[in-house]
Amino acid sequence: MPSPFCCIMGRKKKYNGWGAILKNFSYPLGNDWTTDEIISVTDFYRQVEDAYELSQGVTVSALLSAYKAFKQVVTSKSQEKQLGKQFEQLTGYSLYLTLKAARETAKKSVKMTIGG
């Protein structure tokens, strides 16, 4: 059975002893989404990436705002979980854990680490 999702290229930073290396991967996206919907979803994915990759993380307000726009496109919880699982397999970054951290922190920003 074909997947109801397609993809768009993204970049992930992998670090080694000599500096940063960029790795390409594909974001999981719906086949029937409009350009605006794709932008909303990829903006949320980028916020999650930045929470892991940027030294200062991302602001909680920007992350939650991007998630709100994401939920206008991805309305079902099962679709959200499926996309989150695909995104985590591609990047190693968890949508769920990032949102959980943002909702539970009293700080203005959230910084994530893989495995932590």
PDB file of N, CA and C in Angstrom:
ATOM      1  N   MET A   1       0.851  -1.180   0.000  1.00  0.00           N
ATOM      2  CA  MET A   1       0.000   0.000   0.000  1.00  0.00           C
ATOM      3  C   MET A   1       0.896   1.242   0.000  1.00  0.00           C
ATOM      4  N   PRO A   2       0.635   2.218  -0.886  1.00  0.00           N
ATOM      5  CA  PRO A   2       1.473   3.415  -0.930  1.00  0.00           C
ATOM      6  C   PRO A   2       1.271   4.297   0.297  1.00  0.00           C
ATOM      7  N   SER A   3       2.321   4.980   0.669  1.00  0.00           N
ATOM      8  CA  SER A   3       2.267   5.878   1.821  1.00  0.00           C
ATOM      9  C   SER A   3       1.454   7.115   1.481  1.00  0.00           C
ATOM     10  N   PRO A   4       0.652   7.627   2.434  1.00  0.00           N
ATOM     11  CA  PRO A   4      -0.104   8.853   2.180  1.00  0.00           C
ATOM     12  C   PRO A   4       0.765  10.100   2.320  1.00  0.00           C
ATOM     13  N   PHE A   5       2.055   9.909   2.506  1.00  0.00           N
ATOM     14  CA  PHE A   5       2.960  11.023   2.729  1.00  0.00           C
ATOM     15  C   PHE A   5       4.033  11.068   1.654  1.00  0.00           C
ATOM     16  N   CYS A   6       4.493  12.259   1.372  1.00  0.00           N
ATOM     17  CA  CYS A   6       5.658  12.435   0.502  1.00  0.00           C
ATOM     18  C   CYS A   6       6.708  13.172   1.312  1.00  0.00           C
ATOM     19  N   CYS A   7       7.661  13.761   0.688  1.00  0.00           N
ATOM     20  CA  CYS A   7       8.708  14.401   1.458  1.00  0.00           C
ATOM     21  C   CYS A   7       9.289  15.624   0.765  1.00  0.00           C
ATOM     22  N   ILE A   8      10.032  16.386   1.559  1.00  0.00           N
ATOM     23  CA  ILE A   8      10.785  17.535   1.071  1.00  0.00           C
ATOM     24  C   ILE A   8      12.155  17.459   1.734  1.00  0.00           C
ATOM     25  N   MET A   9      13.159  17.899   1.030  1.00  0.00           N
ATOM     26  CA  MET A   9      14.515  17.777   1.566  1.00  0.00           C
ATOM     27  C   MET A   9      14.747  18.725   2.740  1.00  0.00           C
ATOM     28  N   GLY A  10      15.465  18.251   3.716  1.00  0.00           N
ATOM     29  CA  GLY A  10      15.891  19.045   4.853  1.00  0.00           C
ATOM     30  C   GLY A  10      17.365  18.802   5.086  1.00  0.00           C
ATOM     31  N   ARG A  11      17.919  19.462   6.071  1.00  0.00           N
ATOM     32  CA  ARG A  11      19.328  19.258   6.390  1.00  0.00           C
ATOM     33  C   ARG A  11      19.476  19.033   7.881  1.00  0.00           C
ATOM     34  N   LYS A  12      20.358  18.140   8.216  1.00  0.00           N
ATOM     35  CA  LYS A  12      20.650  17.843   9.613  1.00  0.00           C
ATOM     36  C   LYS A  12      22.143  18.019   9.829  1.00  0.00           C
ATOM     37  N   LYS A  13      22.502  18.631  10.911  1.00  0.00           N
ATOM     38  CA  LYS A  13      23.906  18.794  11.241  1.00  0.00           C
ATOM     39  C   LYS A  13      24.362  17.608  12.068  1.00  0.00           C
ATOM     40  N   LYS A  14      25.395  16.957  11.606  1.00  0.00           N
ATOM     41  CA  LYS A  14      26.036  15.891  12.364  1.00  0.00           C
ATOM     42  C   LYS A  14      27.404  16.410  12.746  1.00  0.00           C
ATOM     43  N   TYR A  15      27.767  16.260  13.988  1.00  0.00           N
ATOM     44  CA  TYR A  15      29.049  16.776  14.454  1.00  0.00           C
ATOM     45  C   TYR A  15      30.048  15.644  14.649  1.00  0.00           C
ATOM     46  N   ASN A  16      31.274  15.935  14.298  1.00  0.00           N
ATOM     47  CA  ASN A  16      32.353  15.005  14.580  1.00  0.00           C
ATOM     48  C   ASN A  16      33.526  15.804  15.138  1.00  0.00           C
ATOM     49  N   GLY A  17      34.653  15.194  15.319  1.00  0.00           N
ATOM     50  CA  GLY A  17      35.810  15.868  15.891  1.00  0.00           C
ATOM     51  C   GLY A  17      36.368  17.001  15.050  1.00  0.00           C
ATOM     52  N   TRP A  18      35.988  17.063  13.784  1.00  0.00           N
ATOM     53  CA  TRP A  18      36.535  18.084  12.879  1.00  0.00           C
ATOM     54  C   TRP A  18      35.550  19.190  12.556  1.00  0.00           C
ATOM     55  N   GLY A  19      34.348  19.178  13.109  1.00  0.00           N
ATOM     56  CA  GLY A  19      33.371  20.231  12.832  1.00  0.00           C
ATOM     57  C   GLY A  19      32.050  19.664  12.373  1.00  0.00           C
ATOM     58  N   ALA A  20      31.235  20.527  11.814  1.00  0.00           N
ATOM     59  CA  ALA A  20      29.876  20.144  11.422  1.00  0.00           C
ATOM     60  C   ALA A  20      29.851  19.574  10.000  1.00  0.00           C
ATOM     61  N   ILE A  21      29.036  18.570   9.810  1.00  0.00           N
ATOM     62  CA  ILE A  21      28.786  17.989   8.498  1.00  0.00           C
ATOM     63  C   ILE A  21      27.278  18.059   8.280  1.00  0.00           C
ATOM     64  N   LEU A  22      26.855  18.515   7.114  1.00  0.00           N
ATOM     65  CA  LEU A  22      25.429  18.560   6.827  1.00  0.00           C
ATOM     66  C   LEU A  22      24.995  17.263   6.160  1.00  0.00           C
ATOM     67  N   LYS A  23      23.881  16.742   6.591  1.00  0.00           N
ATOM     68  CA  LYS A  23      23.341  15.512   6.043  1.00  0.00           C
ATOM     69  C   LYS A  23      21.940  15.815   5.513  1.00  0.00           C
ATOM     70  N   ASN A  24      21.674  15.452   4.275  1.00  0.00           N
ATOM     71  CA  ASN A  24      20.348  15.668   3.703  1.00  0.00           C
ATOM     72  C   ASN A  24      19.412  14.537   4.101  1.00  0.00           C
ATOM     73  N   PHE A  25      18.145  14.876   4.276  1.00  0.00           N
ATOM     74  CA  PHE A  25      17.097  13.903   4.534  1.00  0.00           C
ATOM     75  C   PHE A  25      15.795  14.493   4.030  1.00  0.00           C
ATOM     76  N   SER A  26      14.746  13.715   4.034  1.00  0.00           N
ATOM     77  CA  SER A  26      13.455  14.165   3.534  1.00  0.00           C
ATOM     78  C   SER A  26      12.459  14.292   4.672  1.00  0.00           C
ATOM     79  N   TYR A  27      11.767  15.420   4.725  1.00  0.00           N
ATOM     80  CA  TYR A  27      10.702  15.601   5.708  1.00  0.00           C
ATOM     81  C   TYR A  27       9.482  14.791   5.286  1.00  0.00           C
ATOM     82  N   PRO A  28       8.798  14.159   6.221  1.00  0.00           N
ATOM     83  CA  PRO A  28       7.537  13.494   5.886  1.00  0.00           C
ATOM     84  C   PRO A  28       6.419  14.538   5.737  1.00  0.00           C
ATOM     85  N   LEU A  29       5.740  14.514   4.603  1.00  0.00           N
ATOM     86  CA  LEU A  29       4.663  15.459   4.300  1.00  0.00           C
ATOM     87  C   LEU A  29       3.491  14.739   3.650  1.00  0.00           C
ATOM     88  N   GLY A  30       2.309  15.340   3.736  1.00  0.00           N
ATOM     89  CA  GLY A  30       1.130  14.788   3.092  1.00  0.00           C
ATOM     90  C   GLY A  30       1.150  15.039   1.592  1.00  0.00           C
ATOM     91  N   ASN A  31       0.723  14.046   0.815  1.00  0.00           N
ATOM     92  CA  ASN A  31       0.688  14.178  -0.642  1.00  0.00           C
ATOM     93  C   ASN A  31      -0.294  15.233  -1.127  1.00  0.00           C
ATOM     94  N   ASP A  32      -1.326  15.481  -0.363  1.00  0.00           N
ATOM     95  CA  ASP A  32      -2.390  16.390  -0.811  1.00  0.00           C
ATOM     96  C   ASP A  32      -2.328  17.767  -0.153  1.00  0.00           C
ATOM     97  N   TRP A  33      -1.246  18.092   0.517  1.00  0.00           N
ATOM     98  CA  TRP A  33      -1.135  19.384   1.188  1.00  0.00           C
ATOM     99  C   TRP A  33      -0.849  20.501   0.195  1.00  0.00           C
ATOM    100  N   THR A  34      -1.368  21.682   0.503  1.00  0.00           N
ATOM    101  CA  THR A  34      -1.085  22.872  -0.302  1.00  0.00           C
ATOM    102  C   THR A  34       0.305  23.395   0.042  1.00  0.00           C
ATOM    103  N   THR A  35       0.771  24.338  -0.748  1.00  0.00           N
ATOM    104  CA  THR A  35       2.069  24.961  -0.474  1.00  0.00           C
ATOM    105  C   THR A  35       2.087  25.593   0.909  1.00  0.00           C
ATOM    106  N   ASP A  36       1.027  26.307   1.259  1.00  0.00           N
ATOM    107  CA  ASP A  36       0.958  26.939   2.582  1.00  0.00           C
ATOM    108  C   ASP A  36       0.977  25.911   3.707  1.00  0.00           C
ATOM    109  N   GLU A  37       0.310  24.789   3.497  1.00  0.00           N
ATOM    110  CA  GLU A  37       0.312  23.735   4.514  1.00  0.00           C
ATOM    111  C   GLU A  37       1.704  23.119   4.659  1.00  0.00           C
ATOM    112  N   ILE A  38       2.386  22.923   3.544  1.00  0.00           N
ATOM    113  CA  ILE A  38       3.755  22.387   3.583  1.00  0.00           C
ATOM    114  C   ILE A  38       4.666  23.352   4.335  1.00  0.00           C
ATOM    115  N   ILE A  39       4.502  24.632   4.095  1.00  0.00           N
ATOM    116  CA  ILE A  39       5.308  25.639   4.790  1.00  0.00           C
ATOM    117  C   ILE A  39       5.042  25.594   6.294  1.00  0.00           C
ATOM    118  N   SER A  40       3.776  25.483   6.681  1.00  0.00           N
ATOM    119  CA  SER A  40       3.424  25.415   8.107  1.00  0.00           C
ATOM    120  C   SER A  40       4.054  24.203   8.785  1.00  0.00           C
ATOM    121  N   VAL A  41       3.975  23.062   8.135  1.00  0.00           N
ATOM    122  CA  VAL A  41       4.510  21.830   8.719  1.00  0.00           C
ATOM    123  C   VAL A  41       6.031  21.880   8.771  1.00  0.00           C
ATOM    124  N   THR A  42       6.671  22.315   7.685  1.00  0.00           N
ATOM    125  CA  THR A  42       8.136  22.361   7.689  1.00  0.00           C
ATOM    126  C   THR A  42       8.667  23.411   8.659  1.00  0.00           C
ATOM    127  N   ASP A  43       7.908  24.482   8.873  1.00  0.00           N
ATOM    128  CA  ASP A  43       8.313  25.473   9.877  1.00  0.00           C
ATOM    129  C   ASP A  43       8.357  24.825  11.267  1.00  0.00           C
ATOM    130  N   PHE A  44       7.373  24.008  11.564  1.00  0.00           N
ATOM    131  CA  PHE A  44       7.369  23.306  12.850  1.00  0.00           C
ATOM    132  C   PHE A  44       8.550  22.330  12.933  1.00  0.00           C
ATOM    133  N   TYR A  45       8.771  21.565  11.870  1.00  0.00           N
ATOM    134  CA  TYR A  45       9.918  20.651  11.850  1.00  0.00           C
ATOM    135  C   TYR A  45      11.223  21.418  12.086  1.00  0.00           C
ATOM    136  N   ARG A  46      11.364  22.582  11.468  1.00  0.00           N
ATOM    137  CA  ARG A  46      12.592  23.384  11.639  1.00  0.00           C
ATOM    138  C   ARG A  46      12.745  23.868  13.077  1.00  0.00           C
ATOM    139  N   GLN A  47      11.636  24.238  13.700  1.00  0.00           N
ATOM    140  CA  GLN A  47      11.697  24.649  15.107  1.00  0.00           C
ATOM    141  C   GLN A  47      12.212  23.500  15.971  1.00  0.00           C
ATOM    142  N   VAL A  48      11.722  22.301  15.715  1.00  0.00           N
ATOM    143  CA  VAL A  48      12.173  21.130  16.477  1.00  0.00           C
ATOM    144  C   VAL A  48      13.659  20.883  16.208  1.00  0.00           C
ATOM    145  N   GLU A  49      14.065  20.932  14.945  1.00  0.00           N
ATOM    146  CA  GLU A  49      15.487  20.782  14.610  1.00  0.00           C
ATOM    147  C   GLU A  49      16.335  21.804  15.361  1.00  0.00           C
ATOM    148  N   ASP A  50      15.894  23.053  15.325  1.00  0.00           N
ATOM    149  CA  ASP A  50      16.656  24.124  15.974  1.00  0.00           C
ATOM    150  C   ASP A  50      16.747  23.926  17.487  1.00  0.00           C
ATOM    151  N   ALA A  51      15.710  23.337  18.085  1.00  0.00           N
ATOM    152  CA  ALA A  51      15.751  23.061  19.522  1.00  0.00           C
ATOM    153  C   ALA A  51      16.905  22.112  19.853  1.00  0.00           C
ATOM    154  N   TYR A  52      17.242  21.240  18.934  1.00  0.00           N
ATOM    155  CA  TYR A  52      18.356  20.309  19.122  1.00  0.00           C
ATOM    156  C   TYR A  52      19.681  20.899  18.656  1.00  0.00           C
ATOM    157  N   GLU A  53      19.671  21.646  17.575  1.00  0.00           N
ATOM    158  CA  GLU A  53      20.911  22.038  16.916  1.00  0.00           C
ATOM    159  C   GLU A  53      21.486  23.385  17.347  1.00  0.00           C
ATOM    160  N   LEU A  54      20.654  24.339  17.701  1.00  0.00           N
ATOM    161  CA  LEU A  54      21.154  25.653  18.077  1.00  0.00           C
ATOM    162  C   LEU A  54      21.582  25.661  19.541  1.00  0.00           C
ATOM    163  N   SER A  55      22.684  26.328  19.815  1.00  0.00           N
ATOM    164  CA  SER A  55      23.211  26.337  21.182  1.00  0.00           C
ATOM    165  C   SER A  55      22.227  26.953  22.176  1.00  0.00           C
ATOM    166  N   GLN A  56      21.420  27.915  21.717  1.00  0.00           N
ATOM    167  CA  GLN A  56      20.439  28.547  22.596  1.00  0.00           C
ATOM    168  C   GLN A  56      19.062  27.881  22.512  1.00  0.00           C
ATOM    169  N   GLY A  57      18.909  26.875  21.635  1.00  0.00           N
ATOM    170  CA  GLY A  57      17.610  26.239  21.460  1.00  0.00           C
ATOM    171  C   GLY A  57      16.651  27.170  20.725  1.00  0.00           C
ATOM    172  N   VAL A  58      15.364  27.066  21.035  1.00  0.00           N
ATOM    173  CA  VAL A  58      14.338  27.921  20.423  1.00  0.00           C
ATOM    174  C   VAL A  58      13.449  28.481  21.519  1.00  0.00           C
ATOM    175  N   THR A  59      12.785  29.584  21.211  1.00  0.00           N
ATOM    176  CA  THR A  59      11.863  30.127  22.200  1.00  0.00           C
ATOM    177  C   THR A  59      10.619  29.247  22.267  1.00  0.00           C
ATOM    178  N   VAL A  60      10.110  29.105  23.462  1.00  0.00           N
ATOM    179  CA  VAL A  60       8.916  28.300  23.677  1.00  0.00           C
ATOM    180  C   VAL A  60       7.755  28.877  22.868  1.00  0.00           C
ATOM    181  N   SER A  61       7.631  30.189  22.845  1.00  0.00           N
ATOM    182  CA  SER A  61       6.509  30.807  22.121  1.00  0.00           C
ATOM    183  C   SER A  61       6.579  30.526  20.619  1.00  0.00           C
ATOM    184  N   ALA A  62       7.780  30.573  20.033  1.00  0.00           N
ATOM    185  CA  ALA A  62       7.922  30.290  18.601  1.00  0.00           C
ATOM    186  C   ALA A  62       7.610  28.826  18.303  1.00  0.00           C
ATOM    187  N   LEU A  63       8.078  27.921  19.161  1.00  0.00           N
ATOM    188  CA  LEU A  63       7.820  26.496  18.974  1.00  0.00           C
ATOM    189  C   LEU A  63       6.327  26.200  19.079  1.00  0.00           C
ATOM    190  N   LEU A  64       5.681  26.731  20.109  1.00  0.00           N
ATOM    191  CA  LEU A  64       4.251  26.462  20.293  1.00  0.00           C
ATOM    192  C   LEU A  64       3.405  27.117  19.210  1.00  0.00           C
ATOM    193  N   SER A  65       3.829  28.271  18.724  1.00  0.00           N
ATOM    194  CA  SER A  65       3.136  28.917  17.615  1.00  0.00           C
ATOM    195  C   SER A  65       3.245  28.076  16.342  1.00  0.00           C
ATOM    196  N   ALA A  66       4.436  27.554  16.077  1.00  0.00           N
ATOM    197  CA  ALA A  66       4.635  26.689  14.914  1.00  0.00           C
ATOM    198  C   ALA A  66       3.826  25.400  15.058  1.00  0.00           C
ATOM    199  N   TYR A  67       3.737  24.881  16.272  1.00  0.00           N
ATOM    200  CA  TYR A  67       2.943  23.671  16.509  1.00  0.00           C
ATOM    201  C   TYR A  67       1.459  23.944  16.272  1.00  0.00           C
ATOM    202  N   LYS A  68       0.996  25.090  16.686  1.00  0.00           N
ATOM    203  CA  LYS A  68      -0.417  25.445  16.467  1.00  0.00           C
ATOM    204  C   LYS A  68      -0.730  25.467  14.966  1.00  0.00           C
ATOM    205  N   ALA A  69       0.167  26.041  14.159  1.00  0.00           N
ATOM    206  CA  ALA A  69      -0.021  26.061  12.702  1.00  0.00           C
ATOM    207  C   ALA A  69       0.059  24.645  12.134  1.00  0.00           C
ATOM    208  N   PHE A  70       0.975  23.831  12.656  1.00  0.00           N
ATOM    209  CA  PHE A  70       1.109  22.425  12.266  1.00  0.00           C
ATOM    210  C   PHE A  70      -0.202  21.686  12.503  1.00  0.00           C
ATOM    211  N   LYS A  71      -0.833  21.927  13.669  1.00  0.00           N
ATOM    212  CA  LYS A  71      -2.082  21.241  14.020  1.00  0.00           C
ATOM    213  C   LYS A  71      -3.267  21.690  13.162  1.00  0.00           C
ATOM    214  N   GLN A  72      -3.169  22.841  12.515  1.00  0.00           N
ATOM    215  CA  GLN A  72      -4.209  23.250  11.569  1.00  0.00           C
ATOM    216  C   GLN A  72      -4.159  22.366  10.323  1.00  0.00           C
ATOM    217  N   VAL A  73      -2.999  21.816  10.030  1.00  0.00           N
ATOM    218  CA  VAL A  73      -2.798  20.939   8.867  1.00  0.00           C
ATOM    219  C   VAL A  73      -2.967  19.478   9.271  1.00  0.00           C
ATOM    220  N   VAL A  74      -2.318  19.095  10.349  1.00  0.00           N
ATOM    221  CA  VAL A  74      -2.313  17.709  10.833  1.00  0.00           C
ATOM    222  C   VAL A  74      -3.278  17.648  12.013  1.00  0.00           C
ATOM    223  N   THR A  75      -4.538  17.397  11.697  1.00  0.00           N
ATOM    224  CA  THR A  75      -5.572  17.487  12.726  1.00  0.00           C
ATOM    225  C   THR A  75      -5.747  16.206  13.537  1.00  0.00           C
ATOM    226  N   SER A  76      -5.433  15.054  12.954  1.00  0.00           N
ATOM    227  CA  SER A  76      -5.644  13.806  13.697  1.00  0.00           C
ATOM    228  C   SER A  76      -4.403  13.435  14.501  1.00  0.00           C
ATOM    229  N   LYS A  77      -4.636  12.907  15.684  1.00  0.00           N
ATOM    230  CA  LYS A  77      -3.542  12.488  16.565  1.00  0.00           C
ATOM    231  C   LYS A  77      -2.758  11.335  15.937  1.00  0.00           C
ATOM    232  N   SER A  78      -3.452  10.423  15.250  1.00  0.00           N
ATOM    233  CA  SER A  78      -2.753   9.292  14.635  1.00  0.00           C
ATOM    234  C   SER A  78      -1.825   9.758  13.513  1.00  0.00           C
ATOM    235  N   GLN A  79      -2.247  10.720  12.721  1.00  0.00           N
ATOM    236  CA  GLN A  79      -1.389  11.261  11.667  1.00  0.00           C
ATOM    237  C   GLN A  79      -0.197  11.996  12.283  1.00  0.00           C
ATOM    238  N   GLU A  80      -0.438  12.737  13.362  1.00  0.00           N
ATOM    239  CA  GLU A  80       0.645  13.426  14.053  1.00  0.00           C
ATOM    240  C   GLU A  80       1.683  12.426  14.569  1.00  0.00           C
ATOM    241  N   LYS A  81       1.213  11.339  15.171  1.00  0.00           N
ATOM    242  CA  LYS A  81       2.123  10.317  15.678  1.00  0.00           C
ATOM    243  C   LYS A  81       2.900   9.653  14.552  1.00  0.00           C
ATOM    244  N   GLN A  82       2.232   9.386  13.430  1.00  0.00           N
ATOM    245  CA  GLN A  82       2.893   8.757  12.297  1.00  0.00           C
ATOM    246  C   GLN A  82       3.974   9.675  11.717  1.00  0.00           C
ATOM    247  N   LEU A  83       3.647  10.947  11.544  1.00  0.00           N
ATOM    248  CA  LEU A  83       4.634  11.906  11.042  1.00  0.00           C
ATOM    249  C   LEU A  83       5.784  12.079  12.033  1.00  0.00           C
ATOM    250  N   GLY A  84       5.445  12.128  13.321  1.00  0.00           N
ATOM    251  CA  GLY A  84       6.466  12.265  14.357  1.00  0.00           C
ATOM    252  C   GLY A  84       7.429  11.084  14.364  1.00  0.00           C
ATOM    253  N   LYS A  85       6.889   9.902  14.189  1.00  0.00           N
ATOM    254  CA  LYS A  85       7.725   8.698  14.145  1.00  0.00           C
ATOM    255  C   LYS A  85       8.645   8.733  12.926  1.00  0.00           C
ATOM    256  N   GLN A  86       8.096   9.102  11.772  1.00  0.00           N
ATOM    257  CA  GLN A  86       8.906   9.194  10.554  1.00  0.00           C
ATOM    258  C   GLN A  86       9.980  10.266  10.706  1.00  0.00           C
ATOM    259  N   PHE A  87       9.613  11.417  11.262  1.00  0.00           N
ATOM    260  CA  PHE A  87      10.565  12.514  11.458  1.00  0.00           C
ATOM    261  C   PHE A  87      11.693  12.074  12.390  1.00  0.00           C
ATOM    262  N   GLU A  88      11.342  11.380  13.455  1.00  0.00           N
ATOM    263  CA  GLU A  88      12.365  10.929  14.415  1.00  0.00           C
ATOM    264  C   GLU A  88      13.285   9.883  13.792  1.00  0.00           C
ATOM    265  N   GLN A  89      12.740   8.993  12.966  1.00  0.00           N
ATOM    266  CA  GLN A  89      13.577   8.002  12.291  1.00  0.00           C
ATOM    267  C   GLN A  89      14.564   8.677  11.340  1.00  0.00           C
ATOM    268  N   LEU A  90      14.141   9.753  10.696  1.00  0.00           N
ATOM    269  CA  LEU A  90      14.997  10.466   9.748  1.00  0.00           C
ATOM    270  C   LEU A  90      16.048  11.326  10.429  1.00  0.00           C
ATOM    271  N   THR A  91      15.671  11.971  11.534  1.00  0.00           N
ATOM    272  CA  THR A  91      16.526  12.984  12.138  1.00  0.00           C
ATOM    273  C   THR A  91      17.103  12.609  13.490  1.00  0.00           C
ATOM    274  N   GLY A  92      16.424  11.732  14.211  1.00  0.00           N
ATOM    275  CA  GLY A  92      16.809  11.439  15.588  1.00  0.00           C
ATOM    276  C   GLY A  92      16.188  12.413  16.577  1.00  0.00           C
ATOM    277  N   TYR A  93      15.358  13.342  16.083  1.00  0.00           N
ATOM    278  CA  TYR A  93      14.740  14.372  16.914  1.00  0.00           C
ATOM    279  C   TYR A  93      13.271  14.029  17.165  1.00  0.00           C
ATOM    280  N   SER A  94      12.836  14.167  18.398  1.00  0.00           N
ATOM    281  CA  SER A  94      11.475  13.814  18.787  1.00  0.00           C
ATOM    282  C   SER A  94      10.563  15.043  18.848  1.00  0.00           C
ATOM    283  N   LEU A  95       9.505  15.019  18.030  1.00  0.00           N
ATOM    284  CA  LEU A  95       8.492  16.073  18.102  1.00  0.00           C
ATOM    285  C   LEU A  95       7.845  16.044  19.488  1.00  0.00           C
ATOM    286  N   TYR A  96       7.474  14.844  19.925  1.00  0.00           N
ATOM    287  CA  TYR A  96       6.783  14.682  21.193  1.00  0.00           C
ATOM    288  C   TYR A  96       7.599  15.199  22.374  1.00  0.00           C
ATOM    289  N   LEU A  97       8.858  14.753  22.478  1.00  0.00           N
ATOM    290  CA  LEU A  97       9.678  15.168  23.618  1.00  0.00           C
ATOM    291  C   LEU A  97       9.980  16.660  23.597  1.00  0.00           C
ATOM    292  N   THR A  98      10.122  17.228  22.411  1.00  0.00           N
ATOM    293  CA  THR A  98      10.378  18.668  22.298  1.00  0.00           C
ATOM    294  C   THR A  98       9.167  19.455  22.767  1.00  0.00           C
ATOM    295  N   LEU A  99       7.981  19.061  22.335  1.00  0.00           N
ATOM    296  CA  LEU A  99       6.755  19.727  22.785  1.00  0.00           C
ATOM    297  C   LEU A  99       6.545  19.551  24.286  1.00  0.00           C
ATOM    298  N   LYS A 100       6.807  18.356  24.777  1.00  0.00           N
ATOM    299  CA  LYS A 100       6.656  18.082  26.214  1.00  0.00           C
ATOM    300  C   LYS A 100       7.575  18.995  27.025  1.00  0.00           C
ATOM    301  N   ALA A 101       8.826  19.115  26.583  1.00  0.00           N
ATOM    302  CA  ALA A 101       9.783  19.975  27.281  1.00  0.00           C
ATOM    303  C   ALA A 101       9.340  21.432  27.246  1.00  0.00           C
ATOM    304  N   ALA A 102       8.828  21.874  26.106  1.00  0.00           N
ATOM    305  CA  ALA A 102       8.382  23.265  25.965  1.00  0.00           C
ATOM    306  C   ALA A 102       7.201  23.557  26.887  1.00  0.00           C
ATOM    307  N   ARG A 103       6.308  22.610  27.006  1.00  0.00           N
ATOM    308  CA  ARG A 103       5.126  22.811  27.849  1.00  0.00           C
ATOM    309  C   ARG A 103       5.443  22.751  29.344  1.00  0.00           C
ATOM    310  N   GLU A 104       6.499  22.039  29.690  1.00  0.00           N
ATOM    311  CA  GLU A 104       6.821  21.852  31.109  1.00  0.00           C
ATOM    312  C   GLU A 104       7.831  22.847  31.659  1.00  0.00           C
ATOM    313  N   THR A 105       8.512  23.589  30.790  1.00  0.00           N
ATOM    314  CA  THR A 105       9.540  24.496  31.267  1.00  0.00           C
ATOM    315  C   THR A 105       8.957  25.834  31.712  1.00  0.00           C
ATOM    316  N   ALA A 106       9.614  26.438  32.660  1.00  0.00           N
ATOM    317  CA  ALA A 106       9.256  27.795  33.079  1.00  0.00           C
ATOM    318  C   ALA A 106      10.153  28.810  32.370  1.00  0.00           C
ATOM    319  N   LYS A 107      11.126  28.314  31.616  1.00  0.00           N
ATOM    320  CA  LYS A 107      12.052  29.178  30.893  1.00  0.00           C
ATOM    321  C   LYS A 107      11.414  29.686  29.605  1.00  0.00           C
ATOM    322  N   LYS A 108      12.049  30.683  28.999  1.00  0.00           N
ATOM    323  CA  LYS A 108      11.542  31.253  27.746  1.00  0.00           C
ATOM    324  C   LYS A 108      11.982  30.459  26.528  1.00  0.00           C
ATOM    325  N   SER A 109      12.979  29.575  26.703  1.00  0.00           N
ATOM    326  CA  SER A 109      13.460  28.783  25.577  1.00  0.00           C
ATOM    327  C   SER A 109      13.603  27.327  25.993  1.00  0.00           C
ATOM    328  N   VAL A 110      13.707  26.474  24.977  1.00  0.00           N
ATOM    329  CA  VAL A 110      13.896  25.053  25.205  1.00  0.00           C
ATOM    330  C   VAL A 110      15.067  24.589  24.346  1.00  0.00           C
ATOM    331  N   LYS A 111      15.950  23.823  24.978  1.00  0.00           N
ATOM    332  CA  LYS A 111      17.127  23.267  24.310  1.00  0.00           C
ATOM    333  C   LYS A 111      17.092  21.762  24.516  1.00  0.00           C
ATOM    334  N   MET A 112      17.127  21.028  23.415  1.00  0.00           N
ATOM    335  CA  MET A 112      17.040  19.572  23.487  1.00  0.00           C
ATOM    336  C   MET A 112      18.384  18.923  23.198  1.00  0.00           C
ATOM    337  N   THR A 113      18.572  17.719  23.727  1.00  0.00           N
ATOM    338  CA  THR A 113      19.730  16.898  23.393  1.00  0.00           C
ATOM    339  C   THR A 113      19.228  15.502  23.038  1.00  0.00           C
ATOM    340  N   ILE A 114      19.906  14.878  22.115  1.00  0.00           N
ATOM    341  CA  ILE A 114      19.512  13.521  21.723  1.00  0.00           C
ATOM    342  C   ILE A 114      19.825  12.568  22.868  1.00  0.00           C
ATOM    343  N   GLY A 115      18.829  11.755  23.213  1.00  0.00           N
ATOM    344  CA  GLY A 115      19.010  10.791  24.282  1.00  0.00           C
ATOM    345  C   GLY A 115      18.913  11.387  25.671  1.00  0.00           C
ATOM    346  N   GLY A 116      18.519  12.663  25.754  1.00  0.00           N
ATOM    347  CA  GLY A 116      18.479  13.252  27.082  1.00  0.00           C
ATOM    348  C   GLY A 116      17.288  14.067  27.369  1.00  0.00           C
TER     349      GLY A 116
END
